[in-house]
Amino acid sequence: MGSARIRSAKRLADDGLSSRICDGYQPADGCPPLSVHWGGYPLSGSPWLTKFAKGVAEDSTTAEAWRMLEQKMRKDDLCFLIELLYLYTVRQDTHVEESRESHRALKTALDSIIPAYDDLIDRLSTLSQSSKTRVALTYRSFSDDLSVLIAARKHAEAIRNEATVWGSNKTSARDWYLHLMVAEMERATGRQEIPILVDLIDSACAGNGEKTGLLDAETLKKRVQRHRKRHGLRKALRPAPYPLDLSTEERMEIEAQALVDAQEYYNSEEFRNSGQSYETPPSPPPSDEDIPF
């Protein structure tokens, strides 16, 4: 099934909108910039940007939506959205695919390292309590060593838990880009604008020579919701929690801190005692709101 919204069959004459999109684009702020996700080459003047802009301008529904976004979003935010649309639809692997494979390799390595910590901790604990070595250890102790090993083991387990989530194939790695696009829409307009995003993704797919109409509004909602639940990003889609005049870099730092806070909860005693798992994300505190899907 294609887009849940019926796209207009009327093709518009380009009234300059496509030129405005192409000429107005410049790399969005970021440290590092999003271009590192696709290899660093510029989008300015690229065939994709020209085709994307033309597709937006020639469809009445999408053109109207883009003009609305021009009124509500900062120029840098529009450029950021363009880059996310490119990343979501480009054929080649991007940073998120590379990151997933790296996290999977890290998880595999830690699966064998953590039991080695357990073995060494058990052996040292046994040695410390052995009657055969009690005299020799009268003025010596392994307590400090055990504390270091236990802390290191706990740290390794926390990293493995995080790597398990980010290395999973249960969701598409590129759903991270969907999450960011929806967040940008809501911060700018106060709404998630899912139908608009579906149309823009179609235009971006066409620019990359990909099939269009493969993602409908309901599917997009569910994919964003699933991604955010798995990564503890419950607050990301609420109306702007910080001033809209912040730079993209500052906003991404806030998003990153939200992820760190969520992962700290996953690694907490409270989460371990809750009986929940990464597949069943923790419920928010009573004062928080649920995702408005």
Protein backbone atom coordinates (compact mmCIF):
# COMPACT_ATOMS: atom_id res chain seq x y z
CA MET A 1 0.00 0.00 0.00
CA GLY A 2 1.30 3.45 -0.86
CA SER A 3 0.90 6.69 1.02
CA ALA A 4 -2.19 6.75 3.23
CA ARG A 5 -2.91 10.21 1.89
CA ILE A 6 -4.07 10.44 -1.73
CA ARG A 7 -1.45 12.49 -3.52
CA SER A 8 -2.63 15.04 -6.04
CA ALA A 9 -2.51 13.86 -9.62
CA LYS A 10 -2.11 17.42 -10.79
CA ARG A 11 1.44 18.31 -11.68
CA LEU A 12 2.32 21.94 -11.19
CA ALA A 13 4.49 24.12 -13.32
CA ASP A 14 7.65 24.88 -11.35
CA ASP A 15 7.15 28.42 -10.03
CA GLY A 16 10.69 28.74 -8.71
CA LEU A 17 10.26 26.53 -5.66
CA SER A 18 12.75 23.91 -6.89
CA SER A 19 15.37 26.60 -7.49
CA ARG A 20 14.70 28.02 -4.04
CA ILE A 21 15.24 24.60 -2.47
CA CYS A 22 18.49 23.98 -4.38
CA ASP A 23 19.90 27.49 -3.99
CA GLY A 24 18.89 27.71 -0.33
CA TYR A 25 20.52 24.46 0.68
CA GLN A 26 23.81 24.56 2.54
CA PRO A 27 25.33 22.01 4.91
CA ALA A 28 23.46 22.11 8.22
CA ASP A 29 25.25 22.95 11.44
CA GLY A 30 26.56 19.98 13.34
CA CYS A 31 29.63 18.60 15.05
CA PRO A 32 30.31 16.43 13.22
CA PRO A 33 28.10 17.47 10.29
CA LEU A 34 25.59 14.97 8.95
CA SER A 35 27.64 14.68 5.76
CA VAL A 36 29.96 12.27 7.58
CA HIS A 37 27.02 9.84 7.61
CA TRP A 38 27.08 9.55 3.81
CA GLY A 39 30.77 9.94 3.03
CA GLY A 40 31.35 13.68 3.21
CA TYR A 41 30.69 14.64 -0.40
CA PRO A 42 28.54 17.78 -0.89
CA LEU A 43 24.83 17.65 -1.70
CA SER A 44 24.88 21.15 -3.19
CA GLY A 45 24.51 20.83 -6.95
CA SER A 46 24.07 17.05 -6.73
CA PRO A 47 21.67 15.29 -9.12
CA TRP A 48 19.72 14.01 -6.11
CA LEU A 49 19.04 17.49 -4.73
CA THR A 50 17.89 18.72 -8.15
CA LYS A 51 15.54 15.75 -8.63
CA PHE A 52 14.23 15.99 -5.06
CA ALA A 53 13.52 19.71 -5.39
CA LYS A 54 11.77 19.19 -8.73
CA GLY A 55 9.63 16.40 -7.29
CA VAL A 56 8.57 18.60 -4.36
CA ALA A 57 7.81 21.59 -6.58
CA GLU A 58 5.77 19.70 -9.18
CA ASP A 59 3.37 17.98 -6.80
CA SER A 60 0.69 20.33 -5.51
CA THR A 61 0.32 18.69 -2.09
CA THR A 62 4.04 18.41 -1.41
CA ALA A 63 4.76 21.91 -2.73
CA GLU A 64 2.12 23.39 -0.42
CA ALA A 65 3.57 21.48 2.52
CA TRP A 66 7.11 22.65 1.75
CA ARG A 67 6.01 26.28 1.61
CA MET A 68 4.42 25.85 5.01
CA LEU A 69 7.67 24.42 6.36
CA GLU A 70 9.59 27.36 4.90
CA GLN A 71 7.42 29.65 7.02
CA LYS A 72 7.79 27.67 10.22
CA MET A 73 11.33 26.27 10.15
CA ARG A 74 14.67 28.03 10.31
CA LYS A 75 16.76 27.78 7.17
CA ASP A 76 19.30 25.56 8.92
CA ASP A 77 16.50 23.24 10.11
CA LEU A 78 15.22 22.88 6.54
CA CYS A 79 18.73 21.99 5.40
CA PHE A 80 18.97 19.48 8.24
CA LEU A 81 15.66 17.95 7.09
CA ILE A 82 16.92 17.72 3.50
CA GLU A 83 20.04 15.89 4.67
CA LEU A 84 17.98 13.46 6.75
CA LEU A 85 15.73 12.74 3.76
CA TYR A 86 18.81 11.99 1.67
CA LEU A 87 20.28 9.73 4.32
CA TYR A 88 17.05 7.83 4.77
CA THR A 89 16.69 7.05 1.06
CA VAL A 90 20.25 6.81 -0.32
CA ARG A 91 21.21 3.35 -1.62
CA GLN A 92 24.68 3.11 -0.09
CA ASP A 93 25.31 2.19 3.52
CA THR A 94 25.37 5.17 5.88
CA HIS A 95 26.83 5.76 9.31
CA VAL A 96 23.93 4.05 11.08
CA GLU A 97 24.54 0.76 9.24
CA GLU A 98 28.25 0.94 10.05
CA SER A 99 27.39 1.77 13.67
CA ARG A 100 25.05 -1.23 13.92
CA GLU A 101 27.75 -3.62 12.68
CA SER A 102 30.30 -2.09 15.04
CA HIS A 103 27.96 -2.45 18.03
CA ARG A 104 27.23 -6.05 17.05
CA ALA A 105 30.97 -6.83 16.98
CA LEU A 106 31.41 -5.11 20.35
CA LYS A 107 28.58 -7.14 21.88
CA THR A 108 30.07 -10.40 20.55
CA ALA A 109 33.48 -9.58 22.03
CA LEU A 110 32.04 -8.64 25.42
CA ASP A 111 30.00 -11.86 25.51
CA SER A 112 33.29 -13.73 25.96
CA ILE A 113 35.09 -11.12 28.08
CA ILE A 114 32.45 -10.73 30.81
CA PRO A 115 32.54 -14.43 31.81
CA ALA A 116 36.31 -14.06 32.16
CA TYR A 117 35.70 -11.27 34.68
CA ASP A 118 33.28 -13.54 36.55
CA ASP A 119 35.81 -16.34 36.65
CA LEU A 120 38.63 -14.12 37.92
CA ILE A 121 36.38 -12.52 40.56
CA ASP A 122 35.27 -15.96 41.80
CA ARG A 123 38.81 -17.31 41.92
CA LEU A 124 40.19 -14.31 43.82
CA SER A 125 37.25 -14.38 46.24
CA THR A 126 37.85 -18.07 46.89
CA LEU A 127 41.57 -17.49 47.35
CA SER A 128 40.95 -14.68 49.83
CA GLN A 129 38.73 -16.93 51.95
CA SER A 130 40.86 -20.07 51.74
CA SER A 131 42.16 -21.49 55.00
CA LYS A 132 45.32 -22.62 53.18
CA THR A 133 46.33 -19.05 52.31
CA ARG A 134 45.01 -17.29 55.41
CA VAL A 135 48.41 -16.92 57.10
CA ALA A 136 50.15 -15.70 53.95
CA LEU A 137 47.45 -13.08 53.47
CA THR A 138 47.42 -11.84 57.07
CA TYR A 139 48.84 -8.47 56.03
CA ARG A 140 47.72 -8.56 52.41
CA SER A 141 44.32 -8.35 50.75
CA PHE A 142 42.69 -8.63 47.38
CA SER A 143 39.75 -6.46 48.40
CA ASP A 144 40.88 -3.46 46.34
CA ASP A 145 41.56 -5.67 43.33
CA LEU A 146 38.15 -7.27 43.65
CA SER A 147 36.48 -3.86 43.83
CA VAL A 148 38.22 -2.79 40.63
CA LEU A 149 37.29 -6.03 38.87
CA ILE A 150 33.66 -5.83 39.97
CA ALA A 151 33.41 -2.21 38.79
CA ALA A 152 35.05 -3.08 35.47
CA ARG A 153 32.72 -6.03 35.01
CA LYS A 154 29.69 -3.81 35.70
CA HIS A 155 30.97 -1.23 33.22
CA ALA A 156 31.51 -3.89 30.56
CA GLU A 157 28.00 -5.24 31.10
CA ALA A 158 26.48 -1.77 30.72
CA ILE A 159 28.35 -1.28 27.44
CA ARG A 160 27.22 -4.72 26.26
CA ASN A 161 23.58 -3.88 27.06
CA GLU A 162 23.84 -0.70 25.02
CA ALA A 163 25.59 -2.51 22.17
CA THR A 164 22.83 -5.15 22.19
CA VAL A 165 20.22 -2.49 21.48
CA TRP A 166 22.18 -0.53 18.87
CA GLY A 167 23.43 -3.68 17.15
CA SER A 168 20.02 -5.31 16.89
CA ASN A 169 18.36 -6.17 13.59
CA LYS A 170 14.89 -6.04 15.13
CA THR A 171 14.41 -2.53 13.75
CA SER A 172 15.92 -0.73 10.79
CA ALA A 173 19.03 1.25 11.64
CA ARG A 174 17.68 4.09 9.50
CA ASP A 175 14.68 4.53 11.78
CA TRP A 176 17.03 6.84 13.70
CA TYR A 177 16.74 9.26 10.77
CA LEU A 178 12.94 8.91 10.82
CA HIS A 179 12.95 9.76 14.51
CA LEU A 180 15.00 12.91 13.88
CA MET A 181 12.78 14.02 10.97
CA VAL A 182 9.58 13.65 12.97
CA ALA A 183 11.17 15.49 15.90
CA GLU A 184 12.13 18.38 13.62
CA MET A 185 8.59 18.56 12.24
CA GLU A 186 6.98 18.67 15.64
CA ARG A 187 9.35 21.25 17.04
CA ALA A 188 8.61 23.52 14.10
CA THR A 189 4.86 23.05 13.73
CA GLY A 190 3.66 21.54 17.00
CA ARG A 191 2.47 18.50 15.03
CA GLN A 192 4.18 15.35 13.87
CA GLU A 193 3.16 16.01 10.24
CA ILE A 194 3.47 12.31 9.37
CA PRO A 195 1.56 12.58 6.03
CA ILE A 196 3.82 15.43 4.91
CA LEU A 197 6.89 13.42 5.81
CA VAL A 198 5.58 10.43 3.82
CA ASP A 199 5.27 12.65 0.74
CA LEU A 200 8.73 14.14 1.23
CA ILE A 201 10.22 10.65 1.59
CA ASP A 202 8.57 9.71 -1.72
CA SER A 203 10.23 12.71 -3.38
CA ALA A 204 13.56 11.78 -1.81
CA CYS A 205 13.19 8.16 -2.97
CA ALA A 206 12.46 9.32 -6.52
CA GLY A 207 15.58 11.49 -6.41
CA ASN A 208 17.63 8.41 -5.53
CA GLY A 209 16.00 6.28 -8.21
CA GLU A 210 14.14 4.19 -5.65
CA LYS A 211 10.51 3.03 -5.73
CA THR A 212 7.99 5.39 -4.16
CA GLY A 213 4.84 4.71 -2.15
CA LEU A 214 6.49 1.98 -0.04
CA LEU A 215 5.91 3.71 3.29
CA ASP A 216 2.47 4.83 4.48
CA ALA A 217 1.66 7.08 7.40
CA GLU A 218 0.64 4.32 9.79
CA THR A 219 3.78 2.29 9.11
CA LEU A 220 5.97 5.36 9.59
CA LYS A 221 4.30 6.11 12.94
CA LYS A 222 4.86 2.58 14.18
CA ARG A 223 8.49 2.50 13.09
CA VAL A 224 9.28 5.77 14.84
CA GLN A 225 7.44 4.67 17.96
CA ARG A 226 9.22 1.29 18.04
CA HIS A 227 12.62 2.92 17.56
CA ARG A 228 12.02 5.46 20.30
CA LYS A 229 10.79 2.84 22.74
CA ARG A 230 13.79 0.59 22.17
CA HIS A 231 16.18 3.49 22.77
CA GLY A 232 14.29 5.22 25.57
CA LEU A 233 13.54 8.34 23.50
CA ARG A 234 10.07 8.97 24.89
CA LYS A 235 10.34 12.75 25.22
CA ALA A 236 11.90 13.53 21.86
CA LEU A 237 8.65 14.15 19.96
CA ARG A 238 6.98 16.54 22.38
CA PRO A 239 6.64 20.24 21.59
CA ALA A 240 9.92 22.12 21.68
CA PRO A 241 11.53 21.60 25.12
CA TYR A 242 14.14 24.26 24.35
CA PRO A 243 14.30 27.52 22.36
CA LEU A 244 13.95 27.21 18.61
CA ASP A 245 16.88 29.59 18.07
CA LEU A 246 19.37 27.00 19.30
CA SER A 247 21.79 25.72 16.70
CA THR A 248 21.40 22.24 15.25
CA GLU A 249 24.55 21.20 17.10
CA GLU A 250 23.08 22.34 20.44
CA ARG A 251 19.80 20.53 19.75
CA MET A 252 21.62 17.31 18.82
CA GLU A 253 23.61 17.55 22.05
CA ILE A 254 20.33 17.71 23.99
CA GLU A 255 19.00 14.70 22.06
CA ALA A 256 22.23 12.80 22.79
CA GLN A 257 21.98 13.60 26.50
CA ALA A 258 18.40 12.31 26.53
CA LEU A 259 19.70 9.03 25.12
CA VAL A 260 22.45 8.87 27.76
CA ASP A 261 19.87 9.46 30.50
CA ALA A 262 17.70 6.66 29.12
CA GLN A 263 20.63 4.25 28.96
CA GLU A 264 21.57 5.10 32.55
CA TYR A 265 18.05 4.07 33.54
CA TYR A 266 18.41 0.81 31.61
CA ASN A 267 21.57 0.08 33.59
CA SER A 268 20.05 1.05 36.95
CA GLU A 269 18.96 -1.21 39.79
CA GLU A 270 15.44 0.17 39.39
CA PHE A 271 15.24 -1.12 35.81
CA ARG A 272 16.74 -4.51 36.69
CA ASN A 273 14.13 -4.94 39.44
CA SER A 274 11.26 -3.87 37.20
CA GLY A 275 11.10 -7.17 35.31
CA GLN A 276 11.14 -5.30 31.99
CA SER A 277 13.52 -5.73 29.07
CA TYR A 278 14.76 -3.73 26.11
CA GLU A 279 12.00 -5.32 24.05
CA THR A 280 9.53 -4.10 26.75
CA PRO A 281 10.80 -0.57 27.47
CA PRO A 282 10.46 0.97 30.94
CA SER A 283 7.31 2.91 31.68
CA PRO A 284 7.84 6.66 32.11
CA PRO A 285 7.51 8.28 35.53
CA PRO A 286 3.91 9.15 36.50
CA SER A 287 4.46 12.82 35.60
CA ASP A 288 5.48 12.01 32.03
CA GLU A 289 3.07 11.70 29.12
CA ASP A 290 2.86 8.79 26.74
CA ILE A 291 3.84 9.12 23.11
CA PRO A 292 0.90 10.84 21.37
CA PHE A 293 0.45 8.28 18.57
